[in-house]
Amino acid sequence: MIRRCATPGAAGGLRFASNHSNIGTRIHILFYILSAATLSRVAELADLFRMLGDPTRLRILLACAEAPVAVSDIADKLDVSSSLVSHHLRLLRAARMVRGERRGKQVFYTAADQHVSRVLADLLEHLTESPADGD
């Protein structure tokens, strides 16, 4: 079930009344949102997918999706320089995909919200599915 919401900009003015698990329903909702979206919204969505297109940036985002993590820990885990991690985190923050929280001298980064985590989880789940018969 879909209802219009009073908050402008929230999901294109739509609020989801329940958590839809039926993929057909979710796709229908997505197409409804996109058909109602302006060209600028579509461009914003394309920018988000472009942001995920860089393998290093995607690995950084995945590292932040599990729990808050410091730049140095991300760099060590991914075997890349701290300056490269910081550069990508700046881009991810600008895209509102991660947020940082200062604790003492370090900043810990995590996925900005459940939407980002859910998109990543859904894409990873999609990769593990076996192809349907006839594909």
C-alpha atoms as a PDB file:
ATOM      1  CA  MET A   1       0.000   0.000   0.000  1.00  0.00           C
ATOM      2  CA  ILE A   2       1.306   3.448  -0.931  1.00  0.00           C
ATOM      3  CA  ARG A   3       0.218   6.727   0.594  1.00  0.00           C
ATOM      4  CA  ARG A   4       1.175  10.261  -0.254  1.00  0.00           C
ATOM      5  CA  CYS A   5       3.208  11.789   2.525  1.00  0.00           C
ATOM      6  CA  ALA A   6       3.145  15.373   3.661  1.00  0.00           C
ATOM      7  CA  THR A   7       6.934  15.660   3.816  1.00  0.00           C
ATOM      8  CA  PRO A   8       8.243  16.977   0.488  1.00  0.00           C
ATOM      9  CA  GLY A   9      11.158  15.095  -1.000  1.00  0.00           C
ATOM     10  CA  ALA A  10      10.638  11.914   1.005  1.00  0.00           C
ATOM     11  CA  ALA A  11      10.603   9.104  -1.582  1.00  0.00           C
ATOM     12  CA  GLY A  12       9.172  11.465  -4.182  1.00  0.00           C
ATOM     13  CA  GLY A  13       6.250  12.312  -1.888  1.00  0.00           C
ATOM     14  CA  LEU A  14       5.388   8.673  -1.177  1.00  0.00           C
ATOM     15  CA  ARG A  15       5.327   6.790   2.079  1.00  0.00           C
ATOM     16  CA  PHE A  16       5.375   3.009   2.220  1.00  0.00           C
ATOM     17  CA  ALA A  17       2.666   1.750   4.564  1.00  0.00           C
ATOM     18  CA  SER A  18       4.294  -1.614   5.080  1.00  0.00           C
ATOM     19  CA  ASN A  19       7.563  -3.381   4.405  1.00  0.00           C
ATOM     20  CA  HIS A  20       6.956  -5.065   1.047  1.00  0.00           C
ATOM     21  CA  SER A  21       8.730  -8.352   0.576  1.00  0.00           C
ATOM     22  CA  ASN A  22       7.025  -9.178  -2.721  1.00  0.00           C
ATOM     23  CA  ILE A  23       9.549  -8.226  -5.412  1.00  0.00           C
ATOM     24  CA  GLY A  24       6.807  -7.564  -7.963  1.00  0.00           C
ATOM     25  CA  THR A  25       5.205  -5.055  -5.644  1.00  0.00           C
ATOM     26  CA  ARG A  26       8.556  -3.429  -4.934  1.00  0.00           C
ATOM     27  CA  ILE A  27       9.299  -3.104  -8.657  1.00  0.00           C
ATOM     28  CA  HIS A  28       5.831  -1.649  -9.264  1.00  0.00           C
ATOM     29  CA  ILE A  29       6.452   0.916  -6.516  1.00  0.00           C
ATOM     30  CA  LEU A  30       9.865   1.760  -7.975  1.00  0.00           C
ATOM     31  CA  PHE A  31       8.414   2.339 -11.435  1.00  0.00           C
ATOM     32  CA  TYR A  32       5.661   4.469  -9.901  1.00  0.00           C
ATOM     33  CA  ILE A  33       8.247   6.580  -8.116  1.00  0.00           C
ATOM     34  CA  LEU A  34      10.393   6.919 -11.232  1.00  0.00           C
ATOM     35  CA  SER A  35       7.438   7.829 -13.434  1.00  0.00           C
ATOM     36  CA  ALA A  36       6.537  10.549 -10.952  1.00  0.00           C
ATOM     37  CA  ALA A  37      10.151  11.688 -10.580  1.00  0.00           C
ATOM     38  CA  THR A  38      11.550  14.730 -12.265  1.00  0.00           C
ATOM     39  CA  LEU A  39      14.555  14.539 -14.535  1.00  0.00           C
ATOM     40  CA  SER A  40      16.688  15.951 -11.734  1.00  0.00           C
ATOM     41  CA  ARG A  41      15.661  13.074  -9.443  1.00  0.00           C
ATOM     42  CA  VAL A  42      16.605  10.566 -12.134  1.00  0.00           C
ATOM     43  CA  ALA A  43      19.948  12.348 -12.553  1.00  0.00           C
ATOM     44  CA  GLU A  44      20.494  12.161  -8.774  1.00  0.00           C
ATOM     45  CA  LEU A  45      19.747   8.434  -8.832  1.00  0.00           C
ATOM     46  CA  ALA A  46      22.199   7.955 -11.713  1.00  0.00           C
ATOM     47  CA  ASP A  47      24.839   9.833  -9.711  1.00  0.00           C
ATOM     48  CA  LEU A  48      24.309   7.490  -6.756  1.00  0.00           C
ATOM     49  CA  PHE A  49      24.764   4.436  -8.960  1.00  0.00           C
ATOM     50  CA  ARG A  50      27.831   6.058 -10.539  1.00  0.00           C
ATOM     51  CA  MET A  51      29.150   6.570  -7.007  1.00  0.00           C
ATOM     52  CA  LEU A  52      28.810   2.811  -6.413  1.00  0.00           C
ATOM     53  CA  GLY A  53      30.564   2.060  -9.715  1.00  0.00           C
ATOM     54  CA  ASP A  54      34.055   2.558  -8.318  1.00  0.00           C
ATOM     55  CA  PRO A  55      35.258  -0.745  -6.766  1.00  0.00           C
ATOM     56  CA  THR A  56      37.374   0.914  -4.067  1.00  0.00           C
ATOM     57  CA  ARG A  57      34.548   3.260  -3.081  1.00  0.00           C
ATOM     58  CA  LEU A  58      32.110   0.357  -2.959  1.00  0.00           C
ATOM     59  CA  ARG A  59      34.494  -1.646  -0.762  1.00  0.00           C
ATOM     60  CA  ILE A  60      34.787   1.348   1.586  1.00  0.00           C
ATOM     61  CA  LEU A  61      31.014   1.698   1.740  1.00  0.00           C
ATOM     62  CA  LEU A  62      30.631  -2.017   2.474  1.00  0.00           C
ATOM     63  CA  ALA A  63      33.219  -1.720   5.269  1.00  0.00           C
ATOM     64  CA  CYS A  64      31.176   1.116   6.785  1.00  0.00           C
ATOM     65  CA  ALA A  65      27.864  -0.730   6.454  1.00  0.00           C
ATOM     66  CA  GLU A  66      28.533  -3.208   9.244  1.00  0.00           C
ATOM     67  CA  ALA A  67      29.564  -0.888  12.096  1.00  0.00           C
ATOM     68  CA  PRO A  68      31.244   2.477  12.657  1.00  0.00           C
ATOM     69  CA  VAL A  69      34.871   2.248  11.546  1.00  0.00           C
ATOM     70  CA  ALA A  70      37.847   4.647  11.550  1.00  0.00           C
ATOM     71  CA  VAL A  71      39.688   5.709   8.399  1.00  0.00           C
ATOM     72  CA  SER A  72      42.878   3.928   9.459  1.00  0.00           C
ATOM     73  CA  ASP A  73      40.967   0.687  10.086  1.00  0.00           C
ATOM     74  CA  ILE A  74      39.313   0.894   6.657  1.00  0.00           C
ATOM     75  CA  ALA A  75      42.707   1.529   5.037  1.00  0.00           C
ATOM     76  CA  ASP A  76      44.259  -1.464   6.826  1.00  0.00           C
ATOM     77  CA  LYS A  77      41.313  -3.748   6.054  1.00  0.00           C
ATOM     78  CA  LEU A  78      41.285  -2.856   2.339  1.00  0.00           C
ATOM     79  CA  ASP A  79      45.079  -2.475   1.984  1.00  0.00           C
ATOM     80  CA  VAL A  80      44.867   1.051   0.546  1.00  0.00           C
ATOM     81  CA  SER A  81      46.258   4.368   1.759  1.00  0.00           C
ATOM     82  CA  SER A  82      44.461   6.461   4.366  1.00  0.00           C
ATOM     83  CA  SER A  83      44.500   9.442   2.007  1.00  0.00           C
ATOM     84  CA  LEU A  84      42.674   7.417  -0.668  1.00  0.00           C
ATOM     85  CA  VAL A  85      40.100   6.278   1.898  1.00  0.00           C
ATOM     86  CA  SER A  86      39.624   9.873   3.080  1.00  0.00           C
ATOM     87  CA  HIS A  87      39.146  11.053  -0.517  1.00  0.00           C
ATOM     88  CA  HIS A  88      36.462   8.443  -1.184  1.00  0.00           C
ATOM     89  CA  LEU A  89      34.776   9.077   2.166  1.00  0.00           C
ATOM     90  CA  ARG A  90      34.544  12.786   1.309  1.00  0.00           C
ATOM     91  CA  LEU A  91      32.694  11.864  -1.903  1.00  0.00           C
ATOM     92  CA  LEU A  92      30.464   9.379  -0.085  1.00  0.00           C
ATOM     93  CA  ARG A  93      29.621  11.976   2.584  1.00  0.00           C
ATOM     94  CA  ALA A  94      28.747  14.516  -0.118  1.00  0.00           C
ATOM     95  CA  ALA A  95      26.411  11.918  -1.635  1.00  0.00           C
ATOM     96  CA  ARG A  96      24.892  11.328   1.831  1.00  0.00           C
ATOM     97  CA  MET A  97      25.826   7.642   1.736  1.00  0.00           C
ATOM     98  CA  VAL A  98      27.993   7.713   4.871  1.00  0.00           C
ATOM     99  CA  ARG A  99      28.125   9.864   7.967  1.00  0.00           C
ATOM    100  CA  GLY A 100      30.965  10.489  10.348  1.00  0.00           C
ATOM    101  CA  GLU A 101      31.021  10.758  14.119  1.00  0.00           C
ATOM    102  CA  ARG A 102      34.016  12.236  15.892  1.00  0.00           C
ATOM    103  CA  ARG A 103      35.303  10.289  18.908  1.00  0.00           C
ATOM    104  CA  GLY A 104      38.352  11.974  20.334  1.00  0.00           C
ATOM    105  CA  LYS A 105      40.892  12.458  17.553  1.00  0.00           C
ATOM    106  CA  GLN A 106      39.315   9.943  15.183  1.00  0.00           C
ATOM    107  CA  VAL A 107      36.215  10.062  13.003  1.00  0.00           C
ATOM    108  CA  PHE A 108      34.206   6.853  12.721  1.00  0.00           C
ATOM    109  CA  TYR A 109      32.169   6.336   9.576  1.00  0.00           C
ATOM    110  CA  THR A 110      29.027   4.312   9.086  1.00  0.00           C
ATOM    111  CA  ALA A 111      26.331   3.943   6.433  1.00  0.00           C
ATOM    112  CA  ALA A 112      24.174   7.071   6.482  1.00  0.00           C
ATOM    113  CA  ASP A 113      20.935   5.200   7.158  1.00  0.00           C
ATOM    114  CA  GLN A 114      19.095   1.917   6.681  1.00  0.00           C
ATOM    115  CA  HIS A 115      18.296   2.750   3.056  1.00  0.00           C
ATOM    116  CA  VAL A 116      21.976   2.608   2.118  1.00  0.00           C
ATOM    117  CA  SER A 117      22.539  -0.585   4.101  1.00  0.00           C
ATOM    118  CA  ARG A 118      19.419  -2.179   2.613  1.00  0.00           C
ATOM    119  CA  VAL A 119      20.414  -1.345  -0.969  1.00  0.00           C
ATOM    120  CA  LEU A 120      23.837  -2.910  -0.429  1.00  0.00           C
ATOM    121  CA  ALA A 121      22.346  -5.982   1.234  1.00  0.00           C
ATOM    122  CA  ASP A 122      19.779  -6.403  -1.556  1.00  0.00           C
ATOM    123  CA  LEU A 123      22.444  -6.105  -4.263  1.00  0.00           C
ATOM    124  CA  LEU A 124      24.678  -8.627  -2.515  1.00  0.00           C
ATOM    125  CA  GLU A 125      21.728 -10.990  -2.119  1.00  0.00           C
ATOM    126  CA  HIS A 126      20.919 -10.550  -5.803  1.00  0.00           C
ATOM    127  CA  LEU A 127      24.455 -11.647  -6.708  1.00  0.00           C
ATOM    128  CA  THR A 128      24.129 -14.858  -4.690  1.00  0.00           C
ATOM    129  CA  GLU A 129      20.841 -15.903  -6.298  1.00  0.00           C
ATOM    130  CA  SER A 130      21.025 -18.560  -8.949  1.00  0.00           C
ATOM    131  CA  PRO A 131      19.649 -17.563 -12.350  1.00  0.00           C
ATOM    132  CA  ALA A 132      16.039 -18.470 -13.024  1.00  0.00           C
ATOM    133  CA  ASP A 133      15.365 -21.333 -15.396  1.00  0.00           C
ATOM    134  CA  GLY A 134      15.360 -20.198 -19.012  1.00  0.00           C
ATOM    135  CA  ASP A 135      17.679 -17.218 -18.484  1.00  0.00           C
END
